[in-house]
Amino acid sequence: MGGPCRIAEPGKPHTRAPPCTDNFQVRKFMFDGREWESVEQCYQAMKFNDRSIQEKLRSIKKKEGDKDSKHGMDVWNEGQRYKSVRKDWDAVKVEMMYRANLAKYMQHRDLQEELLSTGHVEMVGAPSTGWKLKSGATVNWSFWNGRIQMRIREELRPEGEQKQDLVDSLVKEFEAAGVGSCCAGFVWVCCSMLQQFGAAAR
């Protein structure tokens, strides 16, 4: 579910990663030509092809005095109400979560710096939900939320500062899950976003 990722360091199993790694974090960004309050809100809306359902989810705003976690649970609960989930959702959900996170980071330079401050350490997501693949294997968001943050972190670095063995292993994991194509052309995507929203972060 929501909450920042954890730093997977020996002897420090419960060290929290920065708030930017929380999909429930409320930091507005543009995706699909529309503004979203959080990655979770965007992700839940993208489960549906029905634009009216997307807009119902997008209309949920963080109320004054509420924590980000409250808003995150509000949009999560709303996303469970509808049965018309797109048929290919299990095949594209990791890619969609990646893209929503990418959009958030590319529009907030301070969040990029916050993520990069974690160095090269492994991250795992907070306890969360999972799903089954056609093969019967169980996949959990605790694993993928960490991997998404780690992949974006490495791709944000100048090429000379990347740990190539880590990049290669992450690429293989994404490709094995059938979502490797979502990261192709990363530099082009980033440049396009920066041109659209400007280099200055909010």
N, C-alpha and C. Protein backbone atom coordinates (compact mmCIF):
# COMPACT_ATOMS: atom_id res chain seq x y z
N MET A 1 0.86 -1.18 0.00
CA MET A 1 0.00 0.00 0.00
C MET A 1 0.90 1.23 0.00
N GLY A 2 0.48 2.30 0.66
CA GLY A 2 1.26 3.52 0.63
C GLY A 2 2.39 3.51 1.65
N GLY A 3 3.16 4.56 1.64
CA GLY A 3 4.30 4.70 2.53
C GLY A 3 5.59 4.68 1.76
N PRO A 4 6.63 5.35 2.26
CA PRO A 4 7.92 5.37 1.57
C PRO A 4 8.52 3.97 1.48
N CYS A 5 9.41 3.80 0.53
CA CYS A 5 10.17 2.54 0.44
C CYS A 5 11.07 2.40 1.66
N ARG A 6 11.64 1.21 1.80
CA ARG A 6 12.61 0.95 2.85
C ARG A 6 13.99 0.78 2.24
N ILE A 7 15.01 1.21 2.99
CA ILE A 7 16.39 1.00 2.57
C ILE A 7 16.81 -0.40 3.02
N ALA A 8 17.20 -1.22 2.06
CA ALA A 8 17.55 -2.61 2.36
C ALA A 8 19.04 -2.72 2.64
N GLU A 9 19.46 -2.20 3.79
CA GLU A 9 20.86 -2.28 4.21
C GLU A 9 21.00 -3.26 5.36
N PRO A 10 22.07 -4.05 5.39
CA PRO A 10 22.29 -4.98 6.49
C PRO A 10 22.27 -4.26 7.83
N GLY A 11 21.49 -4.78 8.75
CA GLY A 11 21.42 -4.18 10.08
C GLY A 11 20.48 -3.00 10.17
N LYS A 12 19.91 -2.57 9.04
CA LYS A 12 18.98 -1.44 9.05
C LYS A 12 17.73 -1.79 8.25
N PRO A 13 17.01 -2.82 8.67
CA PRO A 13 15.89 -3.32 7.87
C PRO A 13 14.68 -2.39 7.82
N HIS A 14 14.60 -1.44 8.74
CA HIS A 14 13.41 -0.60 8.81
C HIS A 14 13.70 0.87 8.50
N THR A 15 14.87 1.15 7.93
CA THR A 15 15.20 2.53 7.59
C THR A 15 14.36 3.00 6.42
N ARG A 16 13.66 4.09 6.60
CA ARG A 16 12.78 4.58 5.54
C ARG A 16 13.55 5.37 4.49
N ALA A 17 13.18 5.16 3.25
CA ALA A 17 13.69 5.98 2.16
C ALA A 17 12.98 7.33 2.20
N PRO A 18 13.44 8.31 1.42
CA PRO A 18 12.81 9.62 1.45
C PRO A 18 11.33 9.59 1.06
N PRO A 19 10.56 10.62 1.44
CA PRO A 19 9.13 10.68 1.14
C PRO A 19 8.81 10.60 -0.36
N CYS A 20 9.76 11.00 -1.21
CA CYS A 20 9.51 10.97 -2.65
C CYS A 20 9.23 9.56 -3.16
N THR A 21 9.64 8.54 -2.40
CA THR A 21 9.45 7.15 -2.84
C THR A 21 8.07 6.61 -2.47
N ASP A 22 7.23 7.45 -1.91
CA ASP A 22 5.87 7.06 -1.50
C ASP A 22 4.90 7.41 -2.62
N ASN A 23 4.20 6.41 -3.15
CA ASN A 23 3.23 6.67 -4.21
C ASN A 23 2.04 7.50 -3.74
N PHE A 24 1.84 7.56 -2.42
CA PHE A 24 0.75 8.36 -1.86
C PHE A 24 1.15 9.83 -1.68
N GLN A 25 2.42 10.15 -1.85
CA GLN A 25 2.88 11.53 -1.67
C GLN A 25 2.09 12.46 -2.59
N VAL A 26 1.58 13.55 -2.04
CA VAL A 26 0.84 14.52 -2.84
C VAL A 26 1.79 15.59 -3.36
N ARG A 27 2.15 15.48 -4.63
CA ARG A 27 2.93 16.47 -5.35
C ARG A 27 2.36 16.48 -6.77
N LYS A 28 1.71 17.55 -7.12
CA LYS A 28 0.98 17.60 -8.39
C LYS A 28 1.92 17.50 -9.59
N PHE A 29 1.44 16.80 -10.61
CA PHE A 29 2.20 16.67 -11.85
C PHE A 29 1.24 16.41 -13.00
N MET A 30 1.75 16.61 -14.20
CA MET A 30 0.95 16.40 -15.40
C MET A 30 1.24 15.01 -15.98
N PHE A 31 0.17 14.34 -16.41
CA PHE A 31 0.29 13.04 -17.08
C PHE A 31 -0.93 12.89 -17.98
N ASP A 32 -0.70 12.46 -19.20
CA ASP A 32 -1.80 12.28 -20.15
C ASP A 32 -2.56 13.59 -20.36
N GLY A 33 -1.85 14.71 -20.28
CA GLY A 33 -2.47 16.02 -20.52
C GLY A 33 -3.34 16.52 -19.40
N ARG A 34 -3.29 15.86 -18.22
CA ARG A 34 -4.12 16.26 -17.09
C ARG A 34 -3.27 16.31 -15.81
N GLU A 35 -3.76 17.09 -14.85
CA GLU A 35 -3.03 17.24 -13.59
C GLU A 35 -3.52 16.21 -12.58
N TRP A 36 -2.54 15.62 -11.85
CA TRP A 36 -2.84 14.61 -10.83
C TRP A 36 -2.23 15.03 -9.51
N GLU A 37 -2.89 14.62 -8.42
CA GLU A 37 -2.41 14.96 -7.09
C GLU A 37 -1.25 14.07 -6.65
N SER A 38 -1.29 12.81 -7.07
CA SER A 38 -0.28 11.85 -6.61
C SER A 38 -0.12 10.75 -7.65
N VAL A 39 0.97 9.99 -7.51
CA VAL A 39 1.20 8.84 -8.37
C VAL A 39 0.07 7.83 -8.20
N GLU A 40 -0.35 7.60 -6.96
CA GLU A 40 -1.41 6.63 -6.70
C GLU A 40 -2.71 7.01 -7.39
N GLN A 41 -3.04 8.28 -7.35
CA GLN A 41 -4.26 8.74 -8.01
C GLN A 41 -4.20 8.49 -9.51
N CYS A 42 -3.09 8.83 -10.10
CA CYS A 42 -2.90 8.63 -11.54
C CYS A 42 -2.97 7.14 -11.88
N TYR A 43 -2.28 6.34 -11.10
CA TYR A 43 -2.23 4.89 -11.34
C TYR A 43 -3.63 4.27 -11.25
N GLN A 44 -4.36 4.61 -10.21
CA GLN A 44 -5.71 4.06 -10.05
C GLN A 44 -6.61 4.44 -11.23
N ALA A 45 -6.48 5.67 -11.70
CA ALA A 45 -7.31 6.13 -12.82
C ALA A 45 -6.97 5.40 -14.11
N MET A 46 -5.69 5.11 -14.31
CA MET A 46 -5.25 4.48 -15.55
C MET A 46 -5.67 3.00 -15.64
N LYS A 47 -6.25 2.46 -14.55
CA LYS A 47 -6.77 1.09 -14.58
C LYS A 47 -7.99 0.98 -15.49
N PHE A 48 -8.56 2.12 -15.83
CA PHE A 48 -9.83 2.12 -16.56
C PHE A 48 -9.71 2.88 -17.88
N ASN A 49 -10.36 2.32 -18.89
CA ASN A 49 -10.42 3.01 -20.17
C ASN A 49 -11.54 4.05 -20.19
N ASP A 50 -12.49 3.91 -19.29
CA ASP A 50 -13.63 4.82 -19.21
C ASP A 50 -13.17 6.17 -18.67
N ARG A 51 -13.23 7.18 -19.51
CA ARG A 51 -12.74 8.52 -19.13
C ARG A 51 -13.52 9.08 -17.94
N SER A 52 -14.81 8.77 -17.84
CA SER A 52 -15.61 9.31 -16.75
C SER A 52 -15.15 8.75 -15.40
N ILE A 53 -14.72 7.48 -15.37
CA ILE A 53 -14.18 6.91 -14.13
C ILE A 53 -12.84 7.55 -13.80
N GLN A 54 -12.02 7.75 -14.82
CA GLN A 54 -10.74 8.42 -14.60
C GLN A 54 -10.96 9.80 -13.96
N GLU A 55 -11.96 10.50 -14.46
CA GLU A 55 -12.20 11.85 -13.95
C GLU A 55 -12.78 11.83 -12.53
N LYS A 56 -13.56 10.81 -12.20
CA LYS A 56 -14.05 10.69 -10.82
C LYS A 56 -12.88 10.53 -9.87
N LEU A 57 -11.93 9.72 -10.28
CA LEU A 57 -10.74 9.53 -9.45
C LEU A 57 -9.90 10.80 -9.39
N ARG A 58 -9.78 11.47 -10.53
CA ARG A 58 -8.96 12.68 -10.58
C ARG A 58 -9.58 13.82 -9.77
N SER A 59 -10.88 13.76 -9.56
CA SER A 59 -11.56 14.84 -8.84
C SER A 59 -11.35 14.78 -7.33
N ILE A 60 -10.78 13.67 -6.85
CA ILE A 60 -10.55 13.53 -5.41
C ILE A 60 -9.34 14.37 -5.02
N LYS A 61 -9.58 15.38 -4.21
CA LYS A 61 -8.53 16.31 -3.79
C LYS A 61 -8.17 16.08 -2.33
N LYS A 62 -6.96 16.39 -1.99
CA LYS A 62 -6.54 16.32 -0.60
C LYS A 62 -7.19 17.46 0.16
N LYS A 63 -7.90 17.11 1.24
CA LYS A 63 -8.59 18.12 2.04
C LYS A 63 -7.63 18.76 3.03
N GLU A 64 -7.92 19.99 3.35
CA GLU A 64 -7.09 20.71 4.31
C GLU A 64 -7.03 19.96 5.63
N GLY A 65 -5.83 19.75 6.12
CA GLY A 65 -5.65 19.05 7.38
C GLY A 65 -5.44 17.56 7.23
N ASP A 66 -5.73 17.02 6.06
CA ASP A 66 -5.54 15.58 5.83
C ASP A 66 -4.07 15.28 5.55
N LYS A 67 -3.64 14.09 5.91
CA LYS A 67 -2.31 13.63 5.56
C LYS A 67 -2.34 13.06 4.14
N ASP A 68 -1.17 12.98 3.53
CA ASP A 68 -1.08 12.39 2.20
C ASP A 68 -1.61 10.95 2.21
N SER A 69 -1.37 10.23 3.29
CA SER A 69 -1.82 8.84 3.37
C SER A 69 -3.33 8.74 3.33
N LYS A 70 -4.03 9.71 3.89
CA LYS A 70 -5.50 9.72 3.86
C LYS A 70 -5.98 9.90 2.42
N HIS A 71 -5.38 10.85 1.71
CA HIS A 71 -5.76 11.05 0.31
C HIS A 71 -5.44 9.80 -0.51
N GLY A 72 -4.28 9.19 -0.24
CA GLY A 72 -3.90 7.99 -0.97
C GLY A 72 -4.90 6.86 -0.78
N MET A 73 -5.36 6.67 0.45
CA MET A 73 -6.35 5.62 0.71
C MET A 73 -7.69 5.96 0.09
N ASP A 74 -8.02 7.25 0.04
CA ASP A 74 -9.28 7.66 -0.60
C ASP A 74 -9.29 7.26 -2.08
N VAL A 75 -8.18 7.54 -2.78
CA VAL A 75 -8.16 7.21 -4.21
C VAL A 75 -8.02 5.70 -4.42
N TRP A 76 -7.29 5.02 -3.51
CA TRP A 76 -7.18 3.56 -3.61
C TRP A 76 -8.55 2.92 -3.45
N ASN A 77 -9.30 3.34 -2.44
CA ASN A 77 -10.63 2.78 -2.20
C ASN A 77 -11.56 3.06 -3.37
N GLU A 78 -11.48 4.25 -3.92
CA GLU A 78 -12.33 4.59 -5.07
C GLU A 78 -11.98 3.71 -6.26
N GLY A 79 -10.71 3.41 -6.43
CA GLY A 79 -10.28 2.58 -7.54
C GLY A 79 -10.75 1.14 -7.44
N GLN A 80 -11.13 0.70 -6.23
CA GLN A 80 -11.61 -0.66 -6.05
C GLN A 80 -13.12 -0.78 -6.30
N ARG A 81 -13.80 0.34 -6.44
CA ARG A 81 -15.25 0.33 -6.56
C ARG A 81 -15.73 -0.16 -7.92
N TYR A 82 -14.92 0.02 -8.94
CA TYR A 82 -15.37 -0.23 -10.31
C TYR A 82 -14.83 -1.56 -10.83
N LYS A 83 -15.66 -2.28 -11.56
CA LYS A 83 -15.31 -3.61 -12.04
C LYS A 83 -14.75 -3.60 -13.47
N SER A 84 -14.87 -2.48 -14.15
CA SER A 84 -14.49 -2.43 -15.57
C SER A 84 -13.02 -2.13 -15.78
N VAL A 85 -12.17 -2.85 -15.06
CA VAL A 85 -10.71 -2.68 -15.19
C VAL A 85 -10.29 -3.13 -16.59
N ARG A 86 -9.41 -2.38 -17.22
CA ARG A 86 -8.96 -2.74 -18.56
C ARG A 86 -8.40 -4.16 -18.58
N LYS A 87 -8.67 -4.88 -19.66
CA LYS A 87 -8.36 -6.31 -19.72
C LYS A 87 -6.87 -6.60 -19.68
N ASP A 88 -6.06 -5.65 -20.12
CA ASP A 88 -4.62 -5.88 -20.16
C ASP A 88 -3.91 -5.33 -18.92
N TRP A 89 -4.66 -5.02 -17.87
CA TRP A 89 -4.09 -4.30 -16.75
C TRP A 89 -2.92 -5.03 -16.09
N ASP A 90 -3.05 -6.33 -15.87
CA ASP A 90 -1.95 -7.06 -15.22
C ASP A 90 -0.68 -7.01 -16.06
N ALA A 91 -0.84 -6.88 -17.38
CA ALA A 91 0.33 -6.85 -18.26
C ALA A 91 1.00 -5.49 -18.30
N VAL A 92 0.26 -4.43 -17.96
CA VAL A 92 0.80 -3.07 -18.11
C VAL A 92 0.90 -2.30 -16.79
N LYS A 93 0.45 -2.87 -15.69
CA LYS A 93 0.37 -2.10 -14.43
C LYS A 93 1.74 -1.64 -13.94
N VAL A 94 2.77 -2.48 -14.07
CA VAL A 94 4.11 -2.05 -13.63
C VAL A 94 4.60 -0.91 -14.51
N GLU A 95 4.40 -1.04 -15.81
CA GLU A 95 4.80 0.03 -16.73
C GLU A 95 4.08 1.33 -16.38
N MET A 96 2.78 1.26 -16.07
CA MET A 96 2.03 2.48 -15.76
C MET A 96 2.53 3.12 -14.47
N MET A 97 2.86 2.29 -13.49
CA MET A 97 3.39 2.84 -12.24
C MET A 97 4.75 3.51 -12.50
N TYR A 98 5.55 2.89 -13.34
CA TYR A 98 6.84 3.48 -13.72
C TYR A 98 6.62 4.84 -14.38
N ARG A 99 5.74 4.89 -15.35
CA ARG A 99 5.52 6.13 -16.10
C ARG A 99 4.98 7.25 -15.22
N ALA A 100 4.07 6.90 -14.31
CA ALA A 100 3.52 7.93 -13.41
C ALA A 100 4.61 8.47 -12.49
N ASN A 101 5.45 7.57 -11.95
CA ASN A 101 6.56 8.03 -11.12
C ASN A 101 7.54 8.87 -11.91
N LEU A 102 7.83 8.44 -13.13
CA LEU A 102 8.75 9.19 -13.98
C LEU A 102 8.24 10.61 -14.22
N ALA A 103 6.95 10.72 -14.51
CA ALA A 103 6.36 12.05 -14.75
C ALA A 103 6.50 12.94 -13.52
N LYS A 104 6.25 12.38 -12.34
CA LYS A 104 6.38 13.16 -11.11
C LYS A 104 7.81 13.65 -10.93
N TYR A 105 8.76 12.77 -11.10
CA TYR A 105 10.16 13.16 -10.88
C TYR A 105 10.62 14.19 -11.90
N MET A 106 10.24 14.03 -13.16
CA MET A 106 10.72 14.95 -14.18
C MET A 106 10.17 16.35 -14.02
N GLN A 107 9.10 16.51 -13.25
CA GLN A 107 8.51 17.83 -13.05
C GLN A 107 8.85 18.44 -11.69
N HIS A 108 9.69 17.74 -10.91
CA HIS A 108 10.08 18.25 -9.59
C HIS A 108 11.57 17.97 -9.37
N ARG A 109 12.38 18.97 -9.62
CA ARG A 109 13.82 18.78 -9.49
C ARG A 109 14.22 18.44 -8.06
N ASP A 110 13.52 18.98 -7.07
CA ASP A 110 13.87 18.67 -5.68
C ASP A 110 13.64 17.20 -5.36
N LEU A 111 12.63 16.60 -5.99
CA LEU A 111 12.39 15.17 -5.76
C LEU A 111 13.45 14.32 -6.44
N GLN A 112 13.94 14.77 -7.59
CA GLN A 112 15.06 14.08 -8.23
C GLN A 112 16.26 14.04 -7.28
N GLU A 113 16.58 15.20 -6.70
CA GLU A 113 17.73 15.29 -5.80
C GLU A 113 17.53 14.42 -4.56
N GLU A 114 16.29 14.38 -4.07
CA GLU A 114 15.97 13.58 -2.89
C GLU A 114 16.19 12.09 -3.18
N LEU A 115 15.74 11.65 -4.36
CA LEU A 115 15.91 10.25 -4.74
C LEU A 115 17.39 9.91 -4.93
N LEU A 116 18.11 10.79 -5.61
CA LEU A 116 19.53 10.56 -5.86
C LEU A 116 20.35 10.53 -4.57
N SER A 117 19.85 11.18 -3.53
CA SER A 117 20.58 11.23 -2.26
C SER A 117 20.68 9.86 -1.59
N THR A 118 19.91 8.89 -2.07
CA THR A 118 19.95 7.55 -1.48
C THR A 118 21.12 6.73 -2.01
N GLY A 119 21.90 7.28 -2.92
CA GLY A 119 23.07 6.58 -3.43
C GLY A 119 22.68 5.42 -4.33
N HIS A 120 23.30 4.26 -4.09
CA HIS A 120 23.01 3.08 -4.92
C HIS A 120 22.40 1.95 -4.10
N VAL A 121 21.92 2.26 -2.91
CA VAL A 121 21.42 1.19 -2.03
C VAL A 121 20.16 0.57 -2.60
N GLU A 122 19.94 -0.68 -2.23
CA GLU A 122 18.71 -1.37 -2.65
C GLU A 122 17.53 -0.81 -1.87
N MET A 123 16.40 -0.71 -2.53
CA MET A 123 15.17 -0.27 -1.87
C MET A 123 14.07 -1.29 -2.12
N VAL A 124 13.22 -1.45 -1.12
CA VAL A 124 12.03 -2.29 -1.26
C VAL A 124 10.83 -1.45 -0.85
N GLY A 125 9.69 -1.74 -1.45
CA GLY A 125 8.50 -0.99 -1.13
C GLY A 125 7.94 -1.35 0.24
N ALA A 126 7.08 -0.48 0.74
CA ALA A 126 6.38 -0.78 1.98
C ALA A 126 5.45 -1.97 1.75
N PRO A 127 5.02 -2.65 2.81
CA PRO A 127 4.08 -3.76 2.66
C PRO A 127 2.89 -3.34 1.80
N SER A 128 2.54 -4.18 0.84
CA SER A 128 1.52 -3.78 -0.13
C SER A 128 0.78 -5.00 -0.68
N THR A 129 -0.02 -4.76 -1.68
CA THR A 129 -0.82 -5.81 -2.31
C THR A 129 -0.02 -6.52 -3.39
N GLY A 130 -0.55 -7.63 -3.88
CA GLY A 130 0.10 -8.39 -4.94
C GLY A 130 -0.93 -8.91 -5.92
N TRP A 131 -0.45 -9.62 -6.92
CA TRP A 131 -1.34 -10.21 -7.92
C TRP A 131 -0.67 -11.43 -8.51
N LYS A 132 -1.48 -12.26 -9.18
CA LYS A 132 -0.96 -13.48 -9.77
C LYS A 132 -0.83 -13.34 -11.28
N LEU A 133 0.28 -13.85 -11.80
CA LEU A 133 0.49 -13.90 -13.23
C LEU A 133 -0.22 -15.13 -13.81
N LYS A 134 -0.33 -15.19 -15.13
CA LYS A 134 -0.96 -16.34 -15.77
C LYS A 134 -0.23 -17.63 -15.44
N SER A 135 1.06 -17.51 -15.18
CA SER A 135 1.86 -18.68 -14.84
C SER A 135 1.55 -19.22 -13.45
N GLY A 136 0.82 -18.41 -12.67
CA GLY A 136 0.52 -18.79 -11.29
C GLY A 136 1.45 -18.16 -10.28
N ALA A 137 2.52 -17.55 -10.76
CA ALA A 137 3.48 -16.89 -9.86
C ALA A 137 2.84 -15.65 -9.23
N THR A 138 3.18 -15.38 -7.98
CA THR A 138 2.67 -14.21 -7.28
C THR A 138 3.67 -13.07 -7.38
N VAL A 139 3.18 -11.90 -7.70
CA VAL A 139 4.01 -10.70 -7.82
C VAL A 139 3.51 -9.69 -6.79
N ASN A 140 4.43 -9.02 -6.13
CA ASN A 140 4.04 -8.11 -5.06
C ASN A 140 4.57 -6.70 -5.31
N TRP A 141 3.76 -5.71 -4.95
CA TRP A 141 4.18 -4.32 -5.13
C TRP A 141 5.35 -3.94 -4.22
N SER A 142 5.53 -4.64 -3.13
CA SER A 142 6.68 -4.34 -2.27
C SER A 142 7.98 -4.47 -3.06
N PHE A 143 8.03 -5.48 -3.93
CA PHE A 143 9.20 -5.68 -4.78
C PHE A 143 9.26 -4.61 -5.86
N TRP A 144 8.17 -4.44 -6.61
CA TRP A 144 8.22 -3.57 -7.79
C TRP A 144 8.32 -2.09 -7.45
N ASN A 145 7.70 -1.67 -6.36
CA ASN A 145 7.84 -0.25 -6.00
C ASN A 145 9.29 0.11 -5.73
N GLY A 146 10.01 -0.79 -5.08
CA GLY A 146 11.44 -0.55 -4.86
C GLY A 146 12.23 -0.54 -6.15
N ARG A 147 11.94 -1.50 -7.03
CA ARG A 147 12.66 -1.58 -8.30
C ARG A 147 12.39 -0.37 -9.19
N ILE A 148 11.18 0.13 -9.18
CA ILE A 148 10.85 1.31 -9.98
C ILE A 148 11.66 2.51 -9.50
N GLN A 149 11.73 2.71 -8.18
CA GLN A 149 12.50 3.82 -7.65
C GLN A 149 13.98 3.67 -7.98
N MET A 150 14.50 2.46 -7.86
CA MET A 150 15.92 2.22 -8.15
C MET A 150 16.23 2.45 -9.62
N ARG A 151 15.33 2.05 -10.49
CA ARG A 151 15.59 2.22 -11.92
C ARG A 151 15.58 3.69 -12.31
N ILE A 152 14.58 4.41 -11.85
CA ILE A 152 14.52 5.84 -12.15
C ILE A 152 15.75 6.55 -11.58
N ARG A 153 16.14 6.16 -10.39
CA ARG A 153 17.32 6.78 -9.74
C ARG A 153 18.56 6.62 -10.60
N GLU A 154 18.78 5.41 -11.12
CA GLU A 154 19.97 5.19 -11.95
C GLU A 154 19.87 5.95 -13.26
N GLU A 155 18.69 6.00 -13.83
CA GLU A 155 18.53 6.67 -15.12
C GLU A 155 18.58 8.18 -15.01
N LEU A 156 18.37 8.70 -13.80
CA LEU A 156 18.52 10.14 -13.59
C LEU A 156 19.99 10.57 -13.55
N ARG A 157 20.88 9.64 -13.27
CA ARG A 157 22.29 9.97 -13.15
C ARG A 157 22.92 10.20 -14.53
N PRO A 158 23.94 11.05 -14.59
CA PRO A 158 24.75 11.11 -15.81
C PRO A 158 25.30 9.73 -16.10
N GLU A 159 25.44 9.38 -17.36
CA GLU A 159 25.84 8.03 -17.74
C GLU A 159 27.11 7.57 -17.03
N GLY A 160 28.05 8.48 -16.86
CA GLY A 160 29.32 8.11 -16.23
C GLY A 160 29.21 7.80 -14.76
N GLU A 161 28.08 8.17 -14.12
CA GLU A 161 27.90 7.93 -12.69
C GLU A 161 26.99 6.74 -12.41
N GLN A 162 26.46 6.13 -13.46
CA GLN A 162 25.60 4.97 -13.27
C GLN A 162 26.42 3.73 -12.93
N LYS A 163 25.84 2.86 -12.13
CA LYS A 163 26.44 1.55 -11.88
C LYS A 163 25.90 0.60 -12.95
N GLN A 164 26.71 0.33 -13.95
CA GLN A 164 26.23 -0.39 -15.12
C GLN A 164 25.72 -1.78 -14.78
N ASP A 165 26.36 -2.45 -13.82
CA ASP A 165 25.89 -3.79 -13.45
C ASP A 165 24.50 -3.73 -12.82
N LEU A 166 24.24 -2.66 -12.06
CA LEU A 166 22.92 -2.49 -11.46
C LEU A 166 21.88 -2.16 -12.52
N VAL A 167 22.25 -1.28 -13.45
CA VAL A 167 21.33 -0.95 -14.55
C VAL A 167 20.99 -2.21 -15.34
N ASP A 168 22.00 -3.00 -15.66
CA ASP A 168 21.78 -4.22 -16.44
C ASP A 168 20.86 -5.20 -15.72
N SER A 169 21.06 -5.36 -14.41
CA SER A 169 20.23 -6.30 -13.66
C SER A 169 18.78 -5.81 -13.57
N LEU A 170 18.60 -4.50 -13.42
CA LEU A 170 17.25 -3.93 -13.38
C LEU A 170 16.55 -4.09 -14.73
N VAL A 171 17.29 -3.85 -15.79
CA VAL A 171 16.73 -4.01 -17.14
C VAL A 171 16.24 -5.44 -17.33
N LYS A 172 17.03 -6.41 -16.90
CA LYS A 172 16.66 -7.82 -17.05
C LYS A 172 15.40 -8.14 -16.26
N GLU A 173 15.28 -7.58 -15.06
CA GLU A 173 14.09 -7.82 -14.24
C GLU A 173 12.84 -7.24 -14.89
N PHE A 174 12.97 -6.03 -15.42
CA PHE A 174 11.82 -5.41 -16.08
C PHE A 174 11.44 -6.19 -17.34
N GLU A 175 12.43 -6.61 -18.09
CA GLU A 175 12.16 -7.35 -19.33
C GLU A 175 11.53 -8.70 -19.02
N ALA A 176 12.00 -9.36 -17.96
CA ALA A 176 11.44 -10.65 -17.57
C ALA A 176 9.97 -10.52 -17.18
N ALA A 177 9.61 -9.33 -16.67
CA ALA A 177 8.22 -9.07 -16.29
C ALA A 177 7.40 -8.56 -17.47
N GLY A 178 8.05 -8.42 -18.63
CA GLY A 178 7.34 -7.97 -19.81
C GLY A 178 7.14 -6.49 -19.88
N VAL A 179 7.92 -5.71 -19.11
CA VAL A 179 7.76 -4.26 -19.11
C VAL A 179 9.05 -3.55 -19.50
N GLY A 180 9.98 -4.25 -20.10
CA GLY A 180 11.25 -3.62 -20.46
C GLY A 180 11.10 -2.49 -21.44
N SER A 181 10.10 -2.60 -22.33
CA SER A 181 9.93 -1.58 -23.36
C SER A 181 9.51 -0.24 -22.80
N CYS A 182 8.97 -0.25 -21.55
CA CYS A 182 8.50 1.02 -20.98
C CYS A 182 9.65 1.97 -20.72
N CYS A 183 10.87 1.44 -20.62
CA CYS A 183 12.02 2.28 -20.29
C CYS A 183 12.87 2.61 -21.49
N ALA A 184 12.51 2.08 -22.65
CA ALA A 184 13.30 2.35 -23.85
C ALA A 184 13.18 3.82 -24.21
N GLY A 185 14.26 4.38 -24.70
CA GLY A 185 14.23 5.78 -25.12
C GLY A 185 14.06 6.73 -23.96
N PHE A 186 14.62 6.38 -22.81
CA PHE A 186 14.44 7.20 -21.61
C PHE A 186 14.90 8.64 -21.83
N VAL A 187 16.05 8.80 -22.45
CA VAL A 187 16.58 10.16 -22.65
C VAL A 187 15.62 10.99 -23.48
N TRP A 188 15.04 10.38 -24.52
CA TRP A 188 14.09 11.12 -25.36
C TRP A 188 12.88 11.53 -24.56
N VAL A 189 12.37 10.62 -23.72
CA VAL A 189 11.20 10.93 -22.90
C VAL A 189 11.49 12.09 -21.97
N CYS A 190 12.65 12.03 -21.30
CA CYS A 190 13.01 13.09 -20.36
C CYS A 190 13.15 14.44 -21.05
N CYS A 191 13.81 14.45 -22.18
CA CYS A 191 14.00 15.70 -22.91
C CYS A 191 12.66 16.28 -23.34
N SER A 192 11.77 15.44 -23.80
CA SER A 192 10.45 15.91 -24.23
C SER A 192 9.69 16.52 -23.06
N MET A 193 9.77 15.86 -21.90
CA MET A 193 9.08 16.37 -20.72
C MET A 193 9.65 17.71 -20.28
N LEU A 194 10.97 17.80 -20.27
CA LEU A 194 11.58 19.06 -19.85
C LEU A 194 11.24 20.20 -20.79
N GLN A 195 11.12 19.91 -22.08
CA GLN A 195 10.73 20.93 -23.04
C GLN A 195 9.29 21.36 -22.81
N GLN A 196 8.43 20.39 -22.44
CA GLN A 196 7.03 20.71 -22.26
C GLN A 196 6.76 21.48 -20.97
N PHE A 197 7.42 21.08 -19.89
CA PHE A 197 7.12 21.68 -18.59
C PHE A 197 8.16 22.67 -18.13
N GLY A 198 9.28 22.77 -18.87
CA GLY A 198 10.32 23.71 -18.48
C GLY A 198 11.30 23.08 -17.51
N ALA A 199 12.50 23.59 -17.51
CA ALA A 199 13.54 23.01 -16.68
C ALA A 199 13.31 23.29 -15.19
N ALA A 200 12.61 24.37 -14.88
CA ALA A 200 12.41 24.72 -13.47
C ALA A 200 11.34 23.82 -12.87
N ALA A 201 11.64 23.23 -11.74
CA ALA A 201 10.67 22.40 -11.04
C ALA A 201 9.80 23.28 -10.17
N ARG A 202 8.62 22.75 -9.83
CA ARG A 202 7.74 23.51 -8.98
C ARG A 202 8.28 23.58 -7.56
